[in-house]
Amino acid sequence: MARIVVGVSGASGVILAHRVIDVLTDLDHHVELVMTRDAHFTALEEMGEDFATGVKFVKSFSEEKQTRIRLHGIQDFTAPIASGSYQVYGMLIIPCSMATLAAVATGLSDNLLRRAADVTLKERRPLVIVPREAPFSEIHLENMLKISRYGATIVPPIPAWYTQPKTLQDVENFIVGKALDAMKIESDIYPRWTGSMRR
């Protein structure tokens, strides 16, 4: 199966990254994981001490799934994902902070996550951004438009009420499913619209 780069930046919604890795490894994809320092802080705040470092984050998955996850240090520019010659299918930044968004939009490759995104764009591979901020400023919107024009797909973490979610995980599954749809990766983790039953 494919190699997918998953970048996790320091925005709220780290559980979405955990869920997408869970689904990708279920589908036998290999995940190249890179987390920023602020992603670790956010994981601590939102998910607890057991997720507060990259190593702990990976160890939260089953041993079988861990064999399909490779963790890279945020400043390790010798990592394979820093080079376009390393074959990956694409990259997902989930969640994406506005600082990371701005860096990607301007080609600032000052850490491995941002470098991997730059590589993804230059190699014209799928890049999906899940931005987390509310409300968006004009600067945020301009940066999203800019990277969209470069070839990235923007998937804001917006739930759908037509699925009639019953739990928070239902909402998370919809967001993750839409992000995977944008990557052209098939999954069945959320109910798809098949037409109204109220006719």
N, C-alpha and C. Protein backbone atom coordinates (compact mmCIF):
# COMPACT_ATOMS: atom_id res chain seq x y z
N MET A 1 0.84 -1.20 0.00
CA MET A 1 0.00 0.00 0.00
C MET A 1 0.88 1.26 0.00
N ALA A 2 0.24 2.42 0.06
CA ALA A 2 0.95 3.68 -0.12
C ALA A 2 1.61 4.18 1.16
N ARG A 3 2.64 5.03 0.98
CA ARG A 3 3.20 5.80 2.09
C ARG A 3 2.50 7.16 2.10
N ILE A 4 2.02 7.57 3.28
CA ILE A 4 1.36 8.85 3.44
C ILE A 4 2.09 9.62 4.53
N VAL A 5 2.45 10.87 4.23
CA VAL A 5 3.03 11.73 5.25
C VAL A 5 1.89 12.39 6.01
N VAL A 6 1.93 12.28 7.33
CA VAL A 6 0.95 12.96 8.19
C VAL A 6 1.71 13.96 9.04
N GLY A 7 1.40 15.24 8.84
CA GLY A 7 1.98 16.30 9.64
C GLY A 7 0.99 16.79 10.67
N VAL A 8 1.44 16.94 11.91
CA VAL A 8 0.57 17.39 12.99
C VAL A 8 1.17 18.67 13.56
N SER A 9 0.46 19.78 13.42
CA SER A 9 0.97 21.05 13.94
C SER A 9 0.22 21.43 15.20
N GLY A 10 0.61 22.55 15.80
CA GLY A 10 0.11 22.92 17.11
C GLY A 10 -1.21 23.65 17.10
N ALA A 11 -2.21 23.06 16.50
CA ALA A 11 -3.56 23.63 16.50
C ALA A 11 -4.49 22.66 17.22
N SER A 12 -5.62 23.16 17.67
CA SER A 12 -6.60 22.31 18.32
C SER A 12 -7.13 21.27 17.34
N GLY A 13 -7.36 20.06 17.86
CA GLY A 13 -7.88 18.99 17.00
C GLY A 13 -6.90 17.87 16.75
N VAL A 14 -5.95 17.67 17.67
CA VAL A 14 -4.95 16.62 17.50
C VAL A 14 -5.61 15.23 17.41
N ILE A 15 -6.78 15.09 18.03
CA ILE A 15 -7.50 13.82 17.94
C ILE A 15 -7.80 13.44 16.50
N LEU A 16 -7.94 14.44 15.63
CA LEU A 16 -8.19 14.15 14.21
C LEU A 16 -6.98 13.48 13.57
N ALA A 17 -5.78 13.91 13.97
CA ALA A 17 -4.56 13.27 13.47
C ALA A 17 -4.50 11.82 13.95
N HIS A 18 -4.82 11.62 15.22
CA HIS A 18 -4.79 10.27 15.77
C HIS A 18 -5.78 9.37 15.02
N ARG A 19 -6.95 9.92 14.75
CA ARG A 19 -7.99 9.13 14.06
C ARG A 19 -7.58 8.82 12.63
N VAL A 20 -6.99 9.79 11.94
CA VAL A 20 -6.62 9.54 10.55
C VAL A 20 -5.51 8.50 10.45
N ILE A 21 -4.58 8.52 11.40
CA ILE A 21 -3.52 7.51 11.42
C ILE A 21 -4.12 6.14 11.70
N ASP A 22 -5.08 6.09 12.61
CA ASP A 22 -5.77 4.84 12.93
C ASP A 22 -6.42 4.25 11.67
N VAL A 23 -7.09 5.10 10.90
CA VAL A 23 -7.78 4.63 9.69
C VAL A 23 -6.77 4.23 8.61
N LEU A 24 -5.75 5.05 8.40
CA LEU A 24 -4.74 4.73 7.37
C LEU A 24 -4.05 3.40 7.65
N THR A 25 -3.69 3.17 8.90
CA THR A 25 -3.02 1.91 9.23
C THR A 25 -4.00 0.74 9.14
N ASP A 26 -5.28 0.98 9.44
CA ASP A 26 -6.30 -0.06 9.22
C ASP A 26 -6.34 -0.47 7.75
N LEU A 27 -6.11 0.50 6.88
CA LEU A 27 -6.16 0.26 5.43
C LEU A 27 -4.81 -0.22 4.88
N ASP A 28 -3.88 -0.52 5.79
CA ASP A 28 -2.55 -1.05 5.45
C ASP A 28 -1.64 -0.03 4.78
N HIS A 29 -1.94 1.26 4.93
CA HIS A 29 -1.02 2.28 4.45
C HIS A 29 0.09 2.48 5.47
N HIS A 30 1.22 2.97 5.01
CA HIS A 30 2.35 3.28 5.89
C HIS A 30 2.36 4.78 6.15
N VAL A 31 2.43 5.16 7.42
CA VAL A 31 2.38 6.57 7.81
C VAL A 31 3.77 7.07 8.18
N GLU A 32 4.16 8.16 7.54
CA GLU A 32 5.38 8.89 7.89
C GLU A 32 4.92 10.07 8.73
N LEU A 33 5.14 10.00 10.04
CA LEU A 33 4.58 10.97 10.98
C LEU A 33 5.61 12.00 11.41
N VAL A 34 5.20 13.28 11.37
CA VAL A 34 6.04 14.34 11.89
C VAL A 34 5.15 15.30 12.68
N MET A 35 5.57 15.59 13.92
CA MET A 35 4.80 16.44 14.82
C MET A 35 5.65 17.63 15.27
N THR A 36 5.05 18.80 15.32
CA THR A 36 5.76 19.96 15.82
C THR A 36 5.81 19.93 17.34
N ARG A 37 6.66 20.78 17.90
CA ARG A 37 6.73 20.91 19.36
C ARG A 37 5.38 21.32 19.93
N ASP A 38 4.73 22.28 19.27
CA ASP A 38 3.44 22.75 19.77
C ASP A 38 2.35 21.69 19.61
N ALA A 39 2.51 20.78 18.67
CA ALA A 39 1.57 19.66 18.57
C ALA A 39 1.64 18.80 19.81
N HIS A 40 2.83 18.63 20.36
CA HIS A 40 2.98 17.87 21.60
C HIS A 40 2.26 18.57 22.76
N PHE A 41 2.40 19.90 22.82
CA PHE A 41 1.71 20.65 23.88
C PHE A 41 0.20 20.51 23.74
N THR A 42 -0.27 20.58 22.50
CA THR A 42 -1.72 20.48 22.26
C THR A 42 -2.22 19.08 22.59
N ALA A 43 -1.44 18.06 22.22
CA ALA A 43 -1.81 16.68 22.54
C ALA A 43 -1.91 16.49 24.05
N LEU A 44 -1.00 17.09 24.78
CA LEU A 44 -1.04 17.01 26.25
C LEU A 44 -2.33 17.63 26.77
N GLU A 45 -2.67 18.82 26.27
CA GLU A 45 -3.85 19.54 26.75
C GLU A 45 -5.14 18.82 26.37
N GLU A 46 -5.21 18.30 25.16
CA GLU A 46 -6.47 17.77 24.64
C GLU A 46 -6.65 16.27 24.86
N MET A 47 -5.54 15.53 24.95
CA MET A 47 -5.65 14.08 25.01
C MET A 47 -5.00 13.48 26.26
N GLY A 48 -4.12 14.24 26.91
CA GLY A 48 -3.53 13.76 28.14
C GLY A 48 -2.07 13.36 28.01
N GLU A 49 -1.46 13.06 29.15
CA GLU A 49 -0.03 12.76 29.25
C GLU A 49 0.38 11.58 28.37
N ASP A 50 -0.50 10.61 28.18
CA ASP A 50 -0.16 9.41 27.41
C ASP A 50 0.05 9.70 25.93
N PHE A 51 -0.22 10.93 25.48
CA PHE A 51 -0.07 11.29 24.07
C PHE A 51 0.88 12.47 23.88
N ALA A 52 1.58 12.87 24.94
CA ALA A 52 2.24 14.17 24.99
C ALA A 52 3.59 14.26 24.27
N THR A 53 4.09 13.17 23.73
CA THR A 53 5.30 13.21 22.92
C THR A 53 5.05 12.38 21.66
N GLY A 54 5.92 12.54 20.68
CA GLY A 54 5.77 11.75 19.47
C GLY A 54 5.83 10.26 19.74
N VAL A 55 6.76 9.86 20.60
CA VAL A 55 6.92 8.44 20.93
C VAL A 55 5.65 7.92 21.63
N LYS A 56 5.15 8.68 22.58
CA LYS A 56 3.92 8.27 23.27
C LYS A 56 2.73 8.22 22.31
N PHE A 57 2.67 9.19 21.42
CA PHE A 57 1.59 9.24 20.44
C PHE A 57 1.57 7.97 19.60
N VAL A 58 2.74 7.55 19.15
CA VAL A 58 2.84 6.33 18.34
C VAL A 58 2.50 5.10 19.19
N LYS A 59 2.98 5.07 20.43
CA LYS A 59 2.73 3.91 21.29
C LYS A 59 1.27 3.76 21.70
N SER A 60 0.46 4.78 21.45
CA SER A 60 -0.96 4.68 21.77
C SER A 60 -1.71 3.78 20.80
N PHE A 61 -1.05 3.43 19.69
CA PHE A 61 -1.64 2.50 18.72
C PHE A 61 -1.23 1.07 19.06
N SER A 62 -1.93 0.11 18.49
CA SER A 62 -1.58 -1.29 18.73
C SER A 62 -0.18 -1.58 18.20
N GLU A 63 0.43 -2.63 18.71
CA GLU A 63 1.78 -2.99 18.25
C GLU A 63 1.80 -3.26 16.76
N GLU A 64 0.75 -3.88 16.25
CA GLU A 64 0.68 -4.15 14.81
C GLU A 64 0.66 -2.85 14.02
N LYS A 65 -0.12 -1.86 14.48
CA LYS A 65 -0.21 -0.59 13.76
C LYS A 65 1.09 0.20 13.86
N GLN A 66 1.78 0.06 15.00
CA GLN A 66 3.05 0.78 15.17
C GLN A 66 4.07 0.37 14.11
N THR A 67 3.97 -0.84 13.59
CA THR A 67 4.92 -1.28 12.56
C THR A 67 4.69 -0.53 11.25
N ARG A 68 3.55 0.14 11.13
CA ARG A 68 3.25 0.90 9.91
C ARG A 68 3.34 2.41 10.12
N ILE A 69 3.93 2.81 11.25
CA ILE A 69 4.11 4.23 11.56
C ILE A 69 5.59 4.51 11.79
N ARG A 70 6.13 5.46 11.05
CA ARG A 70 7.51 5.87 11.29
C ARG A 70 7.51 7.33 11.74
N LEU A 71 8.05 7.58 12.93
CA LEU A 71 8.10 8.91 13.51
C LEU A 71 9.40 9.61 13.12
N HIS A 72 9.27 10.86 12.68
CA HIS A 72 10.44 11.67 12.32
C HIS A 72 10.55 12.87 13.25
N GLY A 73 11.76 13.23 13.59
CA GLY A 73 11.99 14.42 14.41
C GLY A 73 11.72 15.68 13.62
N ILE A 74 11.19 16.69 14.28
CA ILE A 74 10.75 17.91 13.59
C ILE A 74 11.92 18.67 12.95
N GLN A 75 13.13 18.50 13.46
CA GLN A 75 14.29 19.18 12.87
C GLN A 75 15.22 18.23 12.12
N ASP A 76 14.75 17.04 11.82
CA ASP A 76 15.58 16.04 11.14
C ASP A 76 15.47 16.20 9.62
N PHE A 77 16.32 17.07 9.08
CA PHE A 77 16.28 17.31 7.65
C PHE A 77 16.97 16.20 6.85
N THR A 78 17.52 15.21 7.56
CA THR A 78 18.06 14.04 6.85
C THR A 78 16.99 12.98 6.64
N ALA A 79 15.80 13.20 7.17
CA ALA A 79 14.70 12.23 7.02
C ALA A 79 14.34 12.07 5.55
N PRO A 80 13.92 10.89 5.14
CA PRO A 80 13.61 10.66 3.73
C PRO A 80 12.51 11.57 3.19
N ILE A 81 11.54 11.96 4.03
CA ILE A 81 10.44 12.79 3.54
C ILE A 81 10.87 14.22 3.22
N ALA A 82 12.13 14.56 3.52
CA ALA A 82 12.66 15.87 3.17
C ALA A 82 13.10 15.93 1.71
N SER A 83 13.07 14.80 1.03
CA SER A 83 13.54 14.73 -0.35
C SER A 83 12.43 14.29 -1.30
N GLY A 84 12.38 14.93 -2.46
CA GLY A 84 11.41 14.55 -3.47
C GLY A 84 11.69 13.20 -4.09
N SER A 85 12.91 12.70 -3.94
CA SER A 85 13.23 11.40 -4.52
C SER A 85 12.65 10.24 -3.71
N TYR A 86 12.24 10.52 -2.47
CA TYR A 86 11.59 9.50 -1.64
C TYR A 86 10.13 9.43 -2.06
N GLN A 87 9.71 8.25 -2.45
CA GLN A 87 8.39 8.08 -3.03
C GLN A 87 7.30 7.97 -1.95
N VAL A 88 6.44 8.96 -1.89
CA VAL A 88 5.25 8.91 -1.05
C VAL A 88 4.06 9.27 -1.93
N TYR A 89 2.88 8.86 -1.49
CA TYR A 89 1.67 9.16 -2.26
C TYR A 89 1.26 10.62 -2.11
N GLY A 90 1.34 11.14 -0.90
CA GLY A 90 0.93 12.51 -0.64
C GLY A 90 1.08 12.84 0.83
N MET A 91 0.54 13.99 1.21
CA MET A 91 0.69 14.47 2.58
C MET A 91 -0.60 15.08 3.08
N LEU A 92 -0.85 14.87 4.36
CA LEU A 92 -2.00 15.43 5.05
C LEU A 92 -1.50 16.20 6.27
N ILE A 93 -1.86 17.48 6.38
CA ILE A 93 -1.51 18.25 7.57
C ILE A 93 -2.79 18.43 8.38
N ILE A 94 -2.86 17.74 9.52
CA ILE A 94 -4.09 17.67 10.29
C ILE A 94 -3.79 17.61 11.77
N PRO A 95 -4.14 18.60 12.57
CA PRO A 95 -4.67 19.89 12.15
C PRO A 95 -3.54 20.79 11.67
N CYS A 96 -3.91 21.83 10.94
CA CYS A 96 -2.92 22.77 10.43
C CYS A 96 -3.10 24.12 11.10
N SER A 97 -2.08 24.56 11.82
CA SER A 97 -2.13 25.87 12.46
C SER A 97 -1.96 26.97 11.41
N MET A 98 -2.31 28.18 11.77
CA MET A 98 -2.15 29.29 10.84
C MET A 98 -0.68 29.63 10.61
N ALA A 99 0.17 29.36 11.59
CA ALA A 99 1.61 29.57 11.39
C ALA A 99 2.15 28.60 10.35
N THR A 100 1.74 27.33 10.46
CA THR A 100 2.17 26.33 9.48
C THR A 100 1.60 26.65 8.11
N LEU A 101 0.33 27.06 8.07
CA LEU A 101 -0.28 27.45 6.80
C LEU A 101 0.50 28.57 6.13
N ALA A 102 0.84 29.59 6.90
CA ALA A 102 1.58 30.73 6.35
C ALA A 102 2.95 30.30 5.85
N ALA A 103 3.62 29.43 6.60
CA ALA A 103 4.94 28.96 6.19
C ALA A 103 4.87 28.18 4.88
N VAL A 104 3.89 27.29 4.76
CA VAL A 104 3.74 26.51 3.53
C VAL A 104 3.41 27.42 2.36
N ALA A 105 2.56 28.42 2.60
CA ALA A 105 2.15 29.33 1.52
C ALA A 105 3.31 30.17 1.00
N THR A 106 4.33 30.38 1.83
CA THR A 106 5.47 31.20 1.41
C THR A 106 6.72 30.37 1.13
N GLY A 107 6.61 29.05 1.21
CA GLY A 107 7.76 28.20 0.93
C GLY A 107 8.80 28.18 2.02
N LEU A 108 8.41 28.53 3.24
CA LEU A 108 9.35 28.54 4.36
C LEU A 108 9.51 27.12 4.89
N SER A 109 10.68 26.55 4.67
CA SER A 109 10.93 25.15 5.05
C SER A 109 11.85 25.07 6.25
N ASP A 110 11.43 25.68 7.35
CA ASP A 110 12.32 25.77 8.51
C ASP A 110 12.16 24.64 9.50
N ASN A 111 11.28 23.68 9.22
CA ASN A 111 11.25 22.45 9.99
C ASN A 111 10.83 21.32 9.04
N LEU A 112 10.86 20.09 9.51
CA LEU A 112 10.64 18.96 8.61
C LEU A 112 9.20 18.91 8.10
N LEU A 113 8.23 19.27 8.94
CA LEU A 113 6.85 19.27 8.48
C LEU A 113 6.68 20.22 7.30
N ARG A 114 7.20 21.43 7.45
CA ARG A 114 7.06 22.44 6.39
C ARG A 114 7.87 22.06 5.17
N ARG A 115 9.03 21.47 5.37
CA ARG A 115 9.84 21.00 4.25
C ARG A 115 9.11 19.89 3.49
N ALA A 116 8.50 18.96 4.21
CA ALA A 116 7.77 17.87 3.57
C ALA A 116 6.60 18.41 2.75
N ALA A 117 5.93 19.45 3.27
CA ALA A 117 4.84 20.06 2.51
C ALA A 117 5.37 20.74 1.25
N ASP A 118 6.49 21.41 1.37
CA ASP A 118 7.12 22.06 0.22
C ASP A 118 7.48 21.03 -0.85
N VAL A 119 8.03 19.90 -0.41
CA VAL A 119 8.36 18.81 -1.32
C VAL A 119 7.10 18.27 -1.99
N THR A 120 6.05 18.10 -1.22
CA THR A 120 4.80 17.58 -1.76
C THR A 120 4.28 18.48 -2.88
N LEU A 121 4.33 19.78 -2.66
CA LEU A 121 3.87 20.72 -3.69
C LEU A 121 4.76 20.70 -4.92
N LYS A 122 6.07 20.71 -4.71
CA LYS A 122 6.96 20.77 -5.87
C LYS A 122 6.92 19.50 -6.70
N GLU A 123 6.62 18.38 -6.04
CA GLU A 123 6.50 17.12 -6.76
C GLU A 123 5.08 16.89 -7.30
N ARG A 124 4.20 17.84 -7.02
CA ARG A 124 2.79 17.80 -7.49
C ARG A 124 2.06 16.55 -7.00
N ARG A 125 2.31 16.24 -5.73
CA ARG A 125 1.60 15.15 -5.08
C ARG A 125 0.42 15.73 -4.29
N PRO A 126 -0.55 14.93 -3.93
CA PRO A 126 -1.69 15.45 -3.17
C PRO A 126 -1.25 16.01 -1.82
N LEU A 127 -1.70 17.23 -1.55
CA LEU A 127 -1.47 17.86 -0.25
C LEU A 127 -2.82 18.33 0.27
N VAL A 128 -3.23 17.80 1.41
CA VAL A 128 -4.51 18.16 2.02
C VAL A 128 -4.24 18.88 3.33
N ILE A 129 -4.84 20.04 3.47
CA ILE A 129 -4.68 20.89 4.65
C ILE A 129 -5.99 20.93 5.42
N VAL A 130 -5.94 20.64 6.71
CA VAL A 130 -7.12 20.74 7.57
C VAL A 130 -6.86 21.90 8.54
N PRO A 131 -7.27 23.12 8.16
CA PRO A 131 -6.92 24.32 8.95
C PRO A 131 -7.81 24.48 10.17
N ARG A 132 -7.19 24.89 11.29
CA ARG A 132 -7.94 25.07 12.53
C ARG A 132 -7.76 26.50 13.04
N GLU A 133 -8.81 27.28 12.84
CA GLU A 133 -8.87 28.62 13.41
C GLU A 133 -10.30 29.11 13.22
N ALA A 134 -10.74 30.01 14.06
CA ALA A 134 -12.07 30.57 13.89
C ALA A 134 -12.14 31.90 14.66
N PRO A 135 -12.57 32.95 14.01
CA PRO A 135 -12.85 33.04 12.57
C PRO A 135 -11.56 33.18 11.78
N PHE A 136 -11.63 32.97 10.48
CA PHE A 136 -10.47 33.18 9.61
C PHE A 136 -10.31 34.66 9.31
N SER A 137 -9.09 35.16 9.43
CA SER A 137 -8.81 36.54 9.04
C SER A 137 -8.57 36.58 7.54
N GLU A 138 -8.47 37.78 7.00
CA GLU A 138 -8.18 37.92 5.57
C GLU A 138 -6.81 37.32 5.24
N ILE A 139 -5.88 37.44 6.16
CA ILE A 139 -4.55 36.85 5.96
C ILE A 139 -4.67 35.33 5.84
N HIS A 140 -5.43 34.72 6.75
CA HIS A 140 -5.62 33.27 6.71
C HIS A 140 -6.25 32.85 5.37
N LEU A 141 -7.29 33.58 4.97
CA LEU A 141 -8.00 33.24 3.73
C LEU A 141 -7.09 33.41 2.51
N GLU A 142 -6.29 34.46 2.53
CA GLU A 142 -5.36 34.68 1.40
C GLU A 142 -4.33 33.55 1.33
N ASN A 143 -3.84 33.11 2.49
CA ASN A 143 -2.88 32.01 2.49
C ASN A 143 -3.51 30.71 2.00
N MET A 144 -4.76 30.45 2.39
CA MET A 144 -5.44 29.26 1.91
C MET A 144 -5.67 29.32 0.40
N LEU A 145 -6.07 30.49 -0.10
CA LEU A 145 -6.26 30.65 -1.54
C LEU A 145 -4.94 30.44 -2.27
N LYS A 146 -3.88 30.96 -1.71
CA LYS A 146 -2.56 30.85 -2.33
C LYS A 146 -2.13 29.39 -2.48
N ILE A 147 -2.22 28.61 -1.40
CA ILE A 147 -1.78 27.22 -1.50
C ILE A 147 -2.76 26.37 -2.28
N SER A 148 -4.03 26.78 -2.30
CA SER A 148 -4.99 26.09 -3.16
C SER A 148 -4.60 26.26 -4.62
N ARG A 149 -4.17 27.45 -4.98
CA ARG A 149 -3.72 27.71 -6.36
C ARG A 149 -2.46 26.93 -6.68
N TYR A 150 -1.65 26.63 -5.66
CA TYR A 150 -0.44 25.83 -5.87
C TYR A 150 -0.75 24.34 -6.00
N GLY A 151 -2.00 23.94 -5.68
CA GLY A 151 -2.38 22.54 -5.85
C GLY A 151 -2.86 21.83 -4.60
N ALA A 152 -2.80 22.50 -3.45
CA ALA A 152 -3.28 21.87 -2.21
C ALA A 152 -4.80 21.90 -2.16
N THR A 153 -5.37 21.02 -1.35
CA THR A 153 -6.81 20.99 -1.12
C THR A 153 -7.06 21.36 0.34
N ILE A 154 -7.97 22.31 0.54
CA ILE A 154 -8.30 22.79 1.88
C ILE A 154 -9.56 22.09 2.35
N VAL A 155 -9.48 21.40 3.50
CA VAL A 155 -10.64 20.71 4.06
C VAL A 155 -10.84 21.18 5.49
N PRO A 156 -11.61 22.25 5.70
CA PRO A 156 -11.86 22.70 7.07
C PRO A 156 -12.59 21.63 7.87
N PRO A 157 -12.30 21.52 9.15
CA PRO A 157 -12.95 20.48 9.98
C PRO A 157 -14.38 20.85 10.34
N ILE A 158 -15.26 20.76 9.35
CA ILE A 158 -16.66 21.15 9.52
C ILE A 158 -17.53 19.89 9.51
N PRO A 159 -18.34 19.69 10.55
CA PRO A 159 -19.21 18.50 10.57
C PRO A 159 -20.39 18.64 9.62
N ALA A 160 -21.05 17.53 9.37
CA ALA A 160 -22.27 17.53 8.56
C ALA A 160 -23.41 16.99 9.42
N TRP A 161 -24.47 17.75 9.52
CA TRP A 161 -25.58 17.34 10.39
C TRP A 161 -26.53 16.37 9.68
N TYR A 162 -26.45 16.30 8.34
CA TYR A 162 -27.33 15.36 7.64
C TYR A 162 -26.99 13.91 7.97
N THR A 163 -25.77 13.68 8.50
CA THR A 163 -25.42 12.33 8.91
C THR A 163 -26.02 11.97 10.27
N GLN A 164 -26.64 12.96 10.91
CA GLN A 164 -27.25 12.79 12.23
C GLN A 164 -26.27 12.16 13.23
N PRO A 165 -25.12 12.83 13.47
CA PRO A 165 -24.13 12.28 14.38
C PRO A 165 -24.68 12.13 15.79
N LYS A 166 -24.33 11.04 16.42
CA LYS A 166 -24.79 10.75 17.78
C LYS A 166 -23.69 10.98 18.82
N THR A 167 -22.44 10.90 18.39
CA THR A 167 -21.31 11.03 19.30
C THR A 167 -20.27 11.96 18.70
N LEU A 168 -19.33 12.39 19.54
CA LEU A 168 -18.22 13.21 19.05
C LEU A 168 -17.39 12.43 18.04
N GLN A 169 -17.25 11.13 18.25
CA GLN A 169 -16.49 10.32 17.30
C GLN A 169 -17.17 10.29 15.93
N ASP A 170 -18.49 10.33 15.89
CA ASP A 170 -19.18 10.42 14.60
C ASP A 170 -18.77 11.69 13.85
N VAL A 171 -18.68 12.79 14.58
CA VAL A 171 -18.26 14.06 13.98
C VAL A 171 -16.82 13.95 13.50
N GLU A 172 -15.95 13.39 14.34
CA GLU A 172 -14.54 13.23 13.97
C GLU A 172 -14.39 12.33 12.74
N ASN A 173 -15.18 11.27 12.69
CA ASN A 173 -15.09 10.35 11.55
C ASN A 173 -15.49 11.04 10.25
N PHE A 174 -16.49 11.91 10.31
CA PHE A 174 -16.89 12.62 9.11
C PHE A 174 -15.76 13.52 8.61
N ILE A 175 -15.15 14.26 9.53
CA ILE A 175 -14.06 15.17 9.15
C ILE A 175 -12.88 14.40 8.58
N VAL A 176 -12.50 13.34 9.26
CA VAL A 176 -11.38 12.51 8.78
C VAL A 176 -11.72 11.86 7.45
N GLY A 177 -12.96 11.38 7.31
CA GLY A 177 -13.38 10.77 6.05
C GLY A 177 -13.32 11.74 4.90
N LYS A 178 -13.73 12.99 5.14
CA LYS A 178 -13.68 14.00 4.08
C LYS A 178 -12.23 14.33 3.70
N ALA A 179 -11.35 14.36 4.70
CA ALA A 179 -9.93 14.60 4.41
C ALA A 179 -9.35 13.47 3.57
N LEU A 180 -9.71 12.23 3.90
CA LEU A 180 -9.24 11.09 3.12
C LEU A 180 -9.84 11.10 1.71
N ASP A 181 -11.11 11.50 1.60
CA ASP A 181 -11.72 11.65 0.28
C ASP A 181 -10.90 12.61 -0.58
N ALA A 182 -10.47 13.72 0.03
CA ALA A 182 -9.68 14.70 -0.71
C ALA A 182 -8.34 14.14 -1.14
N MET A 183 -7.84 13.15 -0.39
CA MET A 183 -6.59 12.47 -0.76
C MET A 183 -6.83 11.37 -1.79
N LYS A 184 -8.11 11.13 -2.11
CA LYS A 184 -8.50 10.03 -3.00
C LYS A 184 -8.16 8.68 -2.39
N ILE A 185 -8.34 8.60 -1.07
CA ILE A 185 -8.16 7.36 -0.33
C ILE A 185 -9.53 6.90 0.16
N GLU A 186 -9.95 5.74 -0.27
CA GLU A 186 -11.29 5.26 0.06
C GLU A 186 -11.35 4.76 1.50
N SER A 187 -12.43 5.11 2.16
CA SER A 187 -12.72 4.59 3.50
C SER A 187 -14.23 4.54 3.65
N ASP A 188 -14.67 3.86 4.69
CA ASP A 188 -16.11 3.77 4.93
C ASP A 188 -16.44 4.19 6.36
N ILE A 189 -15.72 5.21 6.85
CA ILE A 189 -15.87 5.56 8.26
C ILE A 189 -16.99 6.56 8.52
N TYR A 190 -17.64 7.06 7.46
CA TYR A 190 -18.78 7.94 7.70
C TYR A 190 -19.87 7.62 6.69
N PRO A 191 -21.14 7.86 7.05
CA PRO A 191 -22.24 7.58 6.12
C PRO A 191 -22.28 8.59 5.00
N ARG A 192 -22.33 8.12 3.77
CA ARG A 192 -22.34 9.01 2.61
C ARG A 192 -23.77 9.34 2.19
N TRP A 193 -23.91 10.49 1.61
CA TRP A 193 -25.22 10.94 1.15
C TRP A 193 -25.66 10.09 -0.03
N THR A 194 -26.84 9.52 0.07
CA THR A 194 -27.36 8.69 -1.04
C THR A 194 -28.71 9.20 -1.51
N GLY A 195 -29.10 10.38 -1.03
CA GLY A 195 -30.39 10.93 -1.39
C GLY A 195 -31.31 10.94 -0.20
N SER A 196 -32.26 11.86 -0.19
CA SER A 196 -33.17 11.98 0.95
C SER A 196 -34.15 10.84 1.01
N MET A 197 -34.40 10.37 2.23
CA MET A 197 -35.41 9.34 2.43
C MET A 197 -36.78 9.98 2.67
N ARG A 198 -36.79 11.32 2.80
CA ARG A 198 -38.04 12.02 3.11
C ARG A 198 -38.72 12.49 1.83
N ARG A 199 -39.30 11.59 1.10
CA ARG A 199 -39.96 11.95 -0.17
C ARG A 199 -41.38 11.44 -0.17
